[in-house]
Amino acid sequence: MKRLPLLLDDNPSPLVRVATYLLVPVALALAVPVLLLLILVLYLSALFHGARIFVTVVRRKQEPEHELPKPHFLEIPGPAKALPDESQQSTP
């Protein structure tokens, strides 16, 4: 069976072994603070957003329940047009 070229040999050279043993812990040591910083930023942004929602809900004015809502501007009756009076019309 043919081996894939990207797989490591069963017996790598000492230089590859040393590089692997040194680079993996360094990569992990650099990745962990970045992940923790990302978690901290997400936590603080969620906290800030939640505080904004809380302040908005608390500061909202409570409308009295007995007051009727204002009608839409299209539902407001217009000025009444004067209908012609039948008594004032001349009949032929």
PDB file of N, CA and C in Angstrom:
ATOM      1  N   MET A   1       0.845  -1.168   0.000  1.00  0.00           N
ATOM      2  CA  MET A   1       0.000   0.000   0.000  1.00  0.00           C
ATOM      3  C   MET A   1       0.894   1.235   0.000  1.00  0.00           C
ATOM      4  N   LYS A   2       0.496   2.237  -0.800  1.00  0.00           N
ATOM      5  CA  LYS A   2       1.292   3.439  -0.949  1.00  0.00           C
ATOM      6  C   LYS A   2       0.978   4.403   0.196  1.00  0.00           C
ATOM      7  N   ARG A   3       2.007   5.003   0.782  1.00  0.00           N
ATOM      8  CA  ARG A   3       1.818   5.947   1.880  1.00  0.00           C
ATOM      9  C   ARG A   3       1.586   7.346   1.339  1.00  0.00           C
ATOM     10  N   LEU A   4       0.812   8.094   2.058  1.00  0.00           N
ATOM     11  CA  LEU A   4       0.594   9.485   1.669  1.00  0.00           C
ATOM     12  C   LEU A   4       1.862  10.279   1.963  1.00  0.00           C
ATOM     13  N   PRO A   5       2.231  11.233   1.126  1.00  0.00           N
ATOM     14  CA  PRO A   5       3.483  11.962   1.337  1.00  0.00           C
ATOM     15  C   PRO A   5       3.458  12.914   2.530  1.00  0.00           C
ATOM     16  N   LEU A   6       2.264  13.297   3.012  1.00  0.00           N
ATOM     17  CA  LEU A   6       2.201  14.260   4.111  1.00  0.00           C
ATOM     18  C   LEU A   6       2.324  13.615   5.483  1.00  0.00           C
ATOM     19  N   LEU A   7       2.226  12.311   5.554  1.00  0.00           N
ATOM     20  CA  LEU A   7       2.335  11.651   6.850  1.00  0.00           C
ATOM     21  C   LEU A   7       3.785  11.616   7.299  1.00  0.00           C
ATOM     22  N   LEU A   8       3.989  11.718   8.622  1.00  0.00           N
ATOM     23  CA  LEU A   8       5.347  11.656   9.154  1.00  0.00           C
ATOM     24  C   LEU A   8       5.877  10.230   9.073  1.00  0.00           C
ATOM     25  N   ASP A   9       7.167  10.150   8.981  1.00  0.00           N
ATOM     26  CA  ASP A   9       7.809   8.842   8.974  1.00  0.00           C
ATOM     27  C   ASP A   9       7.658   8.191  10.341  1.00  0.00           C
ATOM     28  N   ASP A  10       7.813   6.882  10.369  1.00  0.00           N
ATOM     29  CA  ASP A  10       7.759   6.171  11.640  1.00  0.00           C
ATOM     30  C   ASP A  10       8.946   6.537  12.523  1.00  0.00           C
ATOM     31  N   ASN A  11      10.064   6.856  11.909  1.00  0.00           N
ATOM     32  CA  ASN A  11      11.273   7.214  12.644  1.00  0.00           C
ATOM     33  C   ASN A  11      11.781   8.568  12.114  1.00  0.00           C
ATOM     34  N   PRO A  12      11.214   9.691  12.643  1.00  0.00           N
ATOM     35  CA  PRO A  12      11.625  10.994  12.122  1.00  0.00           C
ATOM     36  C   PRO A  12      13.034  11.348  12.581  1.00  0.00           C
ATOM     37  N   SER A  13      13.619  12.291  11.901  1.00  0.00           N
ATOM     38  CA  SER A  13      14.970  12.715  12.261  1.00  0.00           C
ATOM     39  C   SER A  13      14.948  13.435  13.600  1.00  0.00           C
ATOM     40  N   PRO A  14      16.086  13.503  14.291  1.00  0.00           N
ATOM     41  CA  PRO A  14      16.130  14.180  15.599  1.00  0.00           C
ATOM     42  C   PRO A  14      15.727  15.649  15.514  1.00  0.00           C
ATOM     43  N   LEU A  15      16.048  16.323  14.412  1.00  0.00           N
ATOM     44  CA  LEU A  15      15.683  17.732  14.262  1.00  0.00           C
ATOM     45  C   LEU A  15      14.159  17.900  14.202  1.00  0.00           C
ATOM     46  N   VAL A  16      13.489  17.013  13.483  1.00  0.00           N
ATOM     47  CA  VAL A  16      12.029  17.068  13.400  1.00  0.00           C
ATOM     48  C   VAL A  16      11.418  16.761  14.748  1.00  0.00           C
ATOM     49  N   ARG A  17      11.997  15.811  15.471  1.00  0.00           N
ATOM     50  CA  ARG A  17      11.491  15.448  16.791  1.00  0.00           C
ATOM     51  C   ARG A  17      11.640  16.609  17.776  1.00  0.00           C
ATOM     52  N   VAL A  18      12.797  17.271  17.769  1.00  0.00           N
ATOM     53  CA  VAL A  18      13.033  18.412  18.669  1.00  0.00           C
ATOM     54  C   VAL A  18      12.107  19.562  18.309  1.00  0.00           C
ATOM     55  N   ALA A  19      11.950  19.825  17.028  1.00  0.00           N
ATOM     56  CA  ALA A  19      11.064  20.918  16.607  1.00  0.00           C
ATOM     57  C   ALA A  19       9.621  20.637  17.020  1.00  0.00           C
ATOM     58  N   THR A  20       9.211  19.398  16.905  1.00  0.00           N
ATOM     59  CA  THR A  20       7.852  19.045  17.303  1.00  0.00           C
ATOM     60  C   THR A  20       7.666  19.219  18.801  1.00  0.00           C
ATOM     61  N   TYR A  21       8.631  18.756  19.569  1.00  0.00           N
ATOM     62  CA  TYR A  21       8.516  18.865  21.024  1.00  0.00           C
ATOM     63  C   TYR A  21       8.627  20.299  21.516  1.00  0.00           C
ATOM     64  N   LEU A  22       9.273  21.174  20.769  1.00  0.00           N
ATOM     65  CA  LEU A  22       9.384  22.573  21.178  1.00  0.00           C
ATOM     66  C   LEU A  22       8.247  23.428  20.643  1.00  0.00           C
ATOM     67  N   LEU A  23       7.824  23.197  19.422  1.00  0.00           N
ATOM     68  CA  LEU A  23       6.831  24.067  18.810  1.00  0.00           C
ATOM     69  C   LEU A  23       5.409  23.813  19.303  1.00  0.00           C
ATOM     70  N   VAL A  24       5.093  22.576  19.625  1.00  0.00           N
ATOM     71  CA  VAL A  24       3.738  22.289  20.103  1.00  0.00           C
ATOM     72  C   VAL A  24       3.453  22.987  21.434  1.00  0.00           C
ATOM     73  N   PRO A  25       4.327  22.911  22.454  1.00  0.00           N
ATOM     74  CA  PRO A  25       4.038  23.653  23.686  1.00  0.00           C
ATOM     75  C   PRO A  25       4.043  25.168  23.479  1.00  0.00           C
ATOM     76  N   VAL A  26       4.912  25.671  22.618  1.00  0.00           N
ATOM     77  CA  VAL A  26       4.938  27.115  22.362  1.00  0.00           C
ATOM     78  C   VAL A  26       3.633  27.544  21.700  1.00  0.00           C
ATOM     79  N   ALA A  27       3.156  26.769  20.732  1.00  0.00           N
ATOM     80  CA  ALA A  27       1.892  27.094  20.066  1.00  0.00           C
ATOM     81  C   ALA A  27       0.733  27.065  21.054  1.00  0.00           C
ATOM     82  N   LEU A  28       0.731  26.087  21.941  1.00  0.00           N
ATOM     83  CA  LEU A  28      -0.322  26.026  22.953  1.00  0.00           C
ATOM     84  C   LEU A  28      -0.223  27.193  23.929  1.00  0.00           C
ATOM     85  N   ALA A  29       0.996  27.539  24.323  1.00  0.00           N
ATOM     86  CA  ALA A  29       1.186  28.650  25.258  1.00  0.00           C
ATOM     87  C   ALA A  29       0.759  29.973  24.634  1.00  0.00           C
ATOM     88  N   LEU A  30       0.878  30.113  23.328  1.00  0.00           N
ATOM     89  CA  LEU A  30       0.430  31.336  22.671  1.00  0.00           C
ATOM     90  C   LEU A  30      -1.067  31.318  22.385  1.00  0.00           C
ATOM     91  N   ALA A  31      -1.635  30.148  22.173  1.00  0.00           N
ATOM     92  CA  ALA A  31      -3.049  30.053  21.829  1.00  0.00           C
ATOM     93  C   ALA A  31      -3.953  30.218  23.045  1.00  0.00           C
ATOM     94  N   VAL A  32      -3.540  29.743  24.193  1.00  0.00           N
ATOM     95  CA  VAL A  32      -4.400  29.796  25.384  1.00  0.00           C
ATOM     96  C   VAL A  32      -4.704  31.241  25.802  1.00  0.00           C
ATOM     97  N   PRO A  33      -3.724  32.153  25.893  1.00  0.00           N
ATOM     98  CA  PRO A  33      -4.092  33.532  26.252  1.00  0.00           C
ATOM     99  C   PRO A  33      -4.996  34.210  25.223  1.00  0.00           C
ATOM    100  N   VAL A  34      -4.806  33.887  23.953  1.00  0.00           N
ATOM    101  CA  VAL A  34      -5.673  34.467  22.930  1.00  0.00           C
ATOM    102  C   VAL A  34      -7.102  33.964  23.110  1.00  0.00           C
ATOM    103  N   LEU A  35      -7.269  32.684  23.393  1.00  0.00           N
ATOM    104  CA  LEU A  35      -8.602  32.147  23.630  1.00  0.00           C
ATOM    105  C   LEU A  35      -9.235  32.746  24.885  1.00  0.00           C
ATOM    106  N   LEU A  36      -8.446  32.896  25.937  1.00  0.00           N
ATOM    107  CA  LEU A  36      -8.978  33.501  27.162  1.00  0.00           C
ATOM    108  C   LEU A  36      -9.362  34.956  26.942  1.00  0.00           C
ATOM    109  N   LEU A  37      -8.579  35.678  26.161  1.00  0.00           N
ATOM    110  CA  LEU A  37      -8.907  37.068  25.847  1.00  0.00           C
ATOM    111  C   LEU A  37     -10.188  37.150  25.027  1.00  0.00           C
ATOM    112  N   LEU A  38     -10.355  36.245  24.095  1.00  0.00           N
ATOM    113  CA  LEU A  38     -11.575  36.213  23.296  1.00  0.00           C
ATOM    114  C   LEU A  38     -12.795  35.923  24.175  1.00  0.00           C
ATOM    115  N   ILE A  39     -12.657  34.992  25.099  1.00  0.00           N
ATOM    116  CA  ILE A  39     -13.751  34.684  26.020  1.00  0.00           C
ATOM    117  C   ILE A  39     -14.068  35.891  26.891  1.00  0.00           C
ATOM    118  N   LEU A  40     -13.052  36.594  27.362  1.00  0.00           N
ATOM    119  CA  LEU A  40     -13.259  37.783  28.188  1.00  0.00           C
ATOM    120  C   LEU A  40     -13.968  38.882  27.409  1.00  0.00           C
ATOM    121  N   VAL A  41     -13.580  39.099  26.169  1.00  0.00           N
ATOM    122  CA  VAL A  41     -14.224  40.129  25.343  1.00  0.00           C
ATOM    123  C   VAL A  41     -15.687  39.781  25.106  1.00  0.00           C
ATOM    124  N   LEU A  42     -15.983  38.520  24.795  1.00  0.00           N
ATOM    125  CA  LEU A  42     -17.374  38.116  24.592  1.00  0.00           C
ATOM    126  C   LEU A  42     -18.190  38.260  25.869  1.00  0.00           C
ATOM    127  N   TYR A  43     -17.601  37.919  27.006  1.00  0.00           N
ATOM    128  CA  TYR A  43     -18.297  38.042  28.283  1.00  0.00           C
ATOM    129  C   TYR A  43     -18.603  39.508  28.594  1.00  0.00           C
ATOM    130  N   LEU A  44     -17.625  40.385  28.405  1.00  0.00           N
ATOM    131  CA  LEU A  44     -17.840  41.805  28.699  1.00  0.00           C
ATOM    132  C   LEU A  44     -18.850  42.433  27.744  1.00  0.00           C
ATOM    133  N   SER A  45     -18.821  42.043  26.485  1.00  0.00           N
ATOM    134  CA  SER A  45     -19.794  42.603  25.549  1.00  0.00           C
ATOM    135  C   SER A  45     -21.209  42.127  25.881  1.00  0.00           C
ATOM    136  N   ALA A  46     -21.354  40.869  26.281  1.00  0.00           N
ATOM    137  CA  ALA A  46     -22.671  40.369  26.685  1.00  0.00           C
ATOM    138  C   ALA A  46     -23.154  41.068  27.953  1.00  0.00           C
ATOM    139  N   LEU A  47     -22.248  41.313  28.885  1.00  0.00           N
ATOM    140  CA  LEU A  47     -22.597  42.014  30.118  1.00  0.00           C
ATOM    141  C   LEU A  47     -23.040  43.436  29.819  1.00  0.00           C
ATOM    142  N   PHE A  48     -22.327  44.124  28.945  1.00  0.00           N
ATOM    143  CA  PHE A  48     -22.671  45.498  28.576  1.00  0.00           C
ATOM    144  C   PHE A  48     -24.019  45.543  27.866  1.00  0.00           C
ATOM    145  N   HIS A  49     -24.252  44.607  26.960  1.00  0.00           N
ATOM    146  CA  HIS A  49     -25.514  44.567  26.236  1.00  0.00           C
ATOM    147  C   HIS A  49     -26.684  44.286  27.185  1.00  0.00           C
ATOM    148  N   GLY A  50     -26.495  43.369  28.108  1.00  0.00           N
ATOM    149  CA  GLY A  50     -27.534  43.077  29.093  1.00  0.00           C
ATOM    150  C   GLY A  50     -27.833  44.269  29.985  1.00  0.00           C
ATOM    151  N   ALA A  51     -26.797  45.018  30.350  1.00  0.00           N
ATOM    152  CA  ALA A  51     -27.008  46.216  31.168  1.00  0.00           C
ATOM    153  C   ALA A  51     -27.782  47.264  30.384  1.00  0.00           C
ATOM    154  N   ARG A  52     -27.497  47.398  29.087  1.00  0.00           N
ATOM    155  CA  ARG A  52     -28.243  48.361  28.263  1.00  0.00           C
ATOM    156  C   ARG A  52     -29.713  47.985  28.190  1.00  0.00           C
ATOM    157  N   ILE A  53     -30.006  46.708  28.027  1.00  0.00           N
ATOM    158  CA  ILE A  53     -31.399  46.263  27.966  1.00  0.00           C
ATOM    159  C   ILE A  53     -32.082  46.496  29.310  1.00  0.00           C
ATOM    160  N   PHE A  54     -31.392  46.218  30.403  1.00  0.00           N
ATOM    161  CA  PHE A  54     -31.956  46.419  31.737  1.00  0.00           C
ATOM    162  C   PHE A  54     -32.290  47.886  31.969  1.00  0.00           C
ATOM    163  N   VAL A  55     -31.375  48.781  31.613  1.00  0.00           N
ATOM    164  CA  VAL A  55     -31.617  50.214  31.796  1.00  0.00           C
ATOM    165  C   VAL A  55     -32.769  50.675  30.923  1.00  0.00           C
ATOM    166  N   THR A  56     -32.860  50.150  29.700  1.00  0.00           N
ATOM    167  CA  THR A  56     -33.956  50.533  28.812  1.00  0.00           C
ATOM    168  C   THR A  56     -35.297  50.101  29.380  1.00  0.00           C
ATOM    169  N   VAL A  57     -35.364  48.905  29.922  1.00  0.00           N
ATOM    170  CA  VAL A  57     -36.629  48.405  30.481  1.00  0.00           C
ATOM    171  C   VAL A  57     -37.004  49.173  31.732  1.00  0.00           C
ATOM    172  N   VAL A  58     -36.037  49.492  32.573  1.00  0.00           N
ATOM    173  CA  VAL A  58     -36.335  50.194  33.824  1.00  0.00           C
ATOM    174  C   VAL A  58     -36.768  51.626  33.552  1.00  0.00           C
ATOM    175  N   ARG A  59     -36.137  52.284  32.590  1.00  0.00           N
ATOM    176  CA  ARG A  59     -36.432  53.692  32.324  1.00  0.00           C
ATOM    177  C   ARG A  59     -37.671  53.899  31.469  1.00  0.00           C
ATOM    178  N   ARG A  60     -38.218  52.844  30.903  1.00  0.00           N
ATOM    179  CA  ARG A  60     -39.406  52.988  30.039  1.00  0.00           C
ATOM    180  C   ARG A  60     -40.572  53.486  30.879  1.00  0.00           C
ATOM    181  N   LYS A  61     -41.261  54.494  30.355  1.00  0.00           N
ATOM    182  CA  LYS A  61     -42.401  55.051  31.082  1.00  0.00           C
ATOM    183  C   LYS A  61     -43.581  54.110  30.956  1.00  0.00           C
ATOM    184  N   GLN A  62     -44.216  53.851  32.081  1.00  0.00           N
ATOM    185  CA  GLN A  62     -45.392  53.000  32.084  1.00  0.00           C
ATOM    186  C   GLN A  62     -46.602  53.851  31.709  1.00  0.00           C
ATOM    187  N   GLU A  63     -47.284  53.467  30.629  1.00  0.00           N
ATOM    188  CA  GLU A  63     -48.464  54.204  30.197  1.00  0.00           C
ATOM    189  C   GLU A  63     -49.655  53.785  31.052  1.00  0.00           C
ATOM    190  N   PRO A  64     -50.484  54.738  31.415  1.00  0.00           N
ATOM    191  CA  PRO A  64     -51.669  54.363  32.203  1.00  0.00           C
ATOM    192  C   PRO A  64     -52.605  53.487  31.372  1.00  0.00           C
ATOM    193  N   GLU A  65     -53.200  52.528  32.042  1.00  0.00           N
ATOM    194  CA  GLU A  65     -54.054  51.574  31.341  1.00  0.00           C
ATOM    195  C   GLU A  65     -55.411  52.164  30.975  1.00  0.00           C
ATOM    196  N   HIS A  66     -55.876  53.173  31.715  1.00  0.00           N
ATOM    197  CA  HIS A  66     -57.203  53.716  31.459  1.00  0.00           C
ATOM    198  C   HIS A  66     -57.227  54.644  30.246  1.00  0.00           C
ATOM    199  N   GLU A  67     -56.083  55.076  29.802  1.00  0.00           N
ATOM    200  CA  GLU A  67     -56.025  55.999  28.678  1.00  0.00           C
ATOM    201  C   GLU A  67     -56.149  55.221  27.364  1.00  0.00           C
ATOM    202  N   LEU A  68     -57.016  55.708  26.497  1.00  0.00           N
ATOM    203  CA  LEU A  68     -57.209  55.054  25.211  1.00  0.00           C
ATOM    204  C   LEU A  68     -56.063  55.421  24.275  1.00  0.00           C
ATOM    205  N   PRO A  69     -55.684  54.519  23.396  1.00  0.00           N
ATOM    206  CA  PRO A  69     -54.604  54.850  22.469  1.00  0.00           C
ATOM    207  C   PRO A  69     -55.065  55.906  21.457  1.00  0.00           C
ATOM    208  N   LYS A  70     -54.122  56.691  20.991  1.00  0.00           N
ATOM    209  CA  LYS A  70     -54.445  57.731  20.014  1.00  0.00           C
ATOM    210  C   LYS A  70     -54.783  57.068  18.688  1.00  0.00           C
ATOM    211  N   PRO A  71     -55.790  57.581  17.974  1.00  0.00           N
ATOM    212  CA  PRO A  71     -56.121  56.980  16.682  1.00  0.00           C
ATOM    213  C   PRO A  71     -55.056  57.299  15.644  1.00  0.00           C
ATOM    214  N   HIS A  72     -54.975  56.443  14.655  1.00  0.00           N
ATOM    215  CA  HIS A  72     -54.047  56.654  13.549  1.00  0.00           C
ATOM    216  C   HIS A  72     -54.477  57.905  12.790  1.00  0.00           C
ATOM    217  N   PHE A  73     -53.523  58.595  12.170  1.00  0.00           N
ATOM    218  CA  PHE A  73     -53.880  59.865  11.528  1.00  0.00           C
ATOM    219  C   PHE A  73     -54.854  59.680  10.369  1.00  0.00           C
ATOM    220  N   LEU A  74     -54.925  58.489   9.797  1.00  0.00           N
ATOM    221  CA  LEU A  74     -55.896  58.261   8.740  1.00  0.00           C
ATOM    222  C   LEU A  74     -57.295  57.995   9.290  1.00  0.00           C
ATOM    223  N   GLU A  75     -57.370  57.656  10.555  1.00  0.00           N
ATOM    224  CA  GLU A  75     -58.665  57.371  11.175  1.00  0.00           C
ATOM    225  C   GLU A  75     -59.297  58.616  11.788  1.00  0.00           C
ATOM    226  N   ILE A  76     -58.575  59.714  11.833  1.00  0.00           N
ATOM    227  CA  ILE A  76     -59.110  60.950  12.405  1.00  0.00           C
ATOM    228  C   ILE A  76     -60.140  61.515  11.431  1.00  0.00           C
ATOM    229  N   PRO A  77     -61.335  61.813  11.911  1.00  0.00           N
ATOM    230  CA  PRO A  77     -62.354  62.344  10.993  1.00  0.00           C
ATOM    231  C   PRO A  77     -61.951  63.734  10.507  1.00  0.00           C
ATOM    232  N   GLY A  78     -62.193  63.946   9.226  1.00  0.00           N
ATOM    233  CA  GLY A  78     -61.878  65.243   8.626  1.00  0.00           C
ATOM    234  C   GLY A  78     -62.978  66.242   8.931  1.00  0.00           C
ATOM    235  N   PRO A  79     -62.778  67.476   8.521  1.00  0.00           N
ATOM    236  CA  PRO A  79     -63.833  68.482   8.758  1.00  0.00           C
ATOM    237  C   PRO A  79     -65.082  68.117   7.955  1.00  0.00           C
ATOM    238  N   ALA A  80     -66.213  68.280   8.591  1.00  0.00           N
ATOM    239  CA  ALA A  80     -67.479  67.909   7.944  1.00  0.00           C
ATOM    240  C   ALA A  80     -67.793  68.903   6.838  1.00  0.00           C
ATOM    241  N   LYS A  81     -68.164  68.377   5.692  1.00  0.00           N
ATOM    242  CA  LYS A  81     -68.562  69.232   4.580  1.00  0.00           C
ATOM    243  C   LYS A  81     -70.035  69.591   4.751  1.00  0.00           C
ATOM    244  N   ALA A  82     -70.311  70.825   4.481  1.00  0.00           N
ATOM    245  CA  ALA A  82     -71.701  71.272   4.618  1.00  0.00           C
ATOM    246  C   ALA A  82     -72.510  70.757   3.428  1.00  0.00           C
ATOM    247  N   LEU A  83     -73.544  70.025   3.745  1.00  0.00           N
ATOM    248  CA  LEU A  83     -74.428  69.532   2.700  1.00  0.00           C
ATOM    249  C   LEU A  83     -75.389  70.651   2.299  1.00  0.00           C
ATOM    250  N   PRO A  84     -75.720  70.712   1.039  1.00  0.00           N
ATOM    251  CA  PRO A  84     -76.670  71.774   0.645  1.00  0.00           C
ATOM    252  C   PRO A  84     -78.028  71.537   1.304  1.00  0.00           C
ATOM    253  N   ASP A  85     -78.578  72.608   1.805  1.00  0.00           N
ATOM    254  CA  ASP A  85     -79.865  72.542   2.496  1.00  0.00           C
ATOM    255  C   ASP A  85     -80.978  72.500   1.461  1.00  0.00           C
ATOM    256  N   GLU A  86     -81.905  71.556   1.615  1.00  0.00           N
ATOM    257  CA  GLU A  86     -82.977  71.401   0.628  1.00  0.00           C
ATOM    258  C   GLU A  86     -83.965  72.551   0.686  1.00  0.00           C
ATOM    259  N   SER A  87     -84.098  73.139   1.836  1.00  0.00           N
ATOM    260  CA  SER A  87     -85.079  74.235   1.950  1.00  0.00           C
ATOM    261  C   SER A  87     -84.599  75.479   1.224  1.00  0.00           C
ATOM    262  N   GLN A  88     -83.309  75.644   1.092  1.00  0.00           N
ATOM    263  CA  GLN A  88     -82.791  76.829   0.422  1.00  0.00           C
ATOM    264  C   GLN A  88     -82.740  76.646  -1.098  1.00  0.00           C
ATOM    265  N   GLN A  89     -82.858  75.433  -1.596  1.00  0.00           N
ATOM    266  CA  GLN A  89     -82.824  75.220  -3.035  1.00  0.00           C
ATOM    267  C   GLN A  89     -84.149  75.641  -3.656  1.00  0.00           C
ATOM    268  N   SER A  90     -84.024  76.259  -4.777  1.00  0.00           N
ATOM    269  CA  SER A  90     -85.247  76.643  -5.477  1.00  0.00           C
ATOM    270  C   SER A  90     -85.745  75.475  -6.307  1.00  0.00           C
ATOM    271  N   THR A  91     -87.011  75.215  -6.205  1.00  0.00           N
ATOM    272  CA  THR A  91     -87.577  74.098  -6.967  1.00  0.00           C
ATOM    273  C   THR A  91     -88.221  74.655  -8.236  1.00  0.00           C
ATOM    274  N   PRO A  92     -87.990  74.114  -9.388  1.00  0.00           N
ATOM    275  CA  PRO A  92     -88.595  74.639 -10.614  1.00  0.00           C
ATOM    276  C   PRO A  92     -90.053  74.287 -10.777  1.00  0.00           C
TER     277      PRO A  92
END
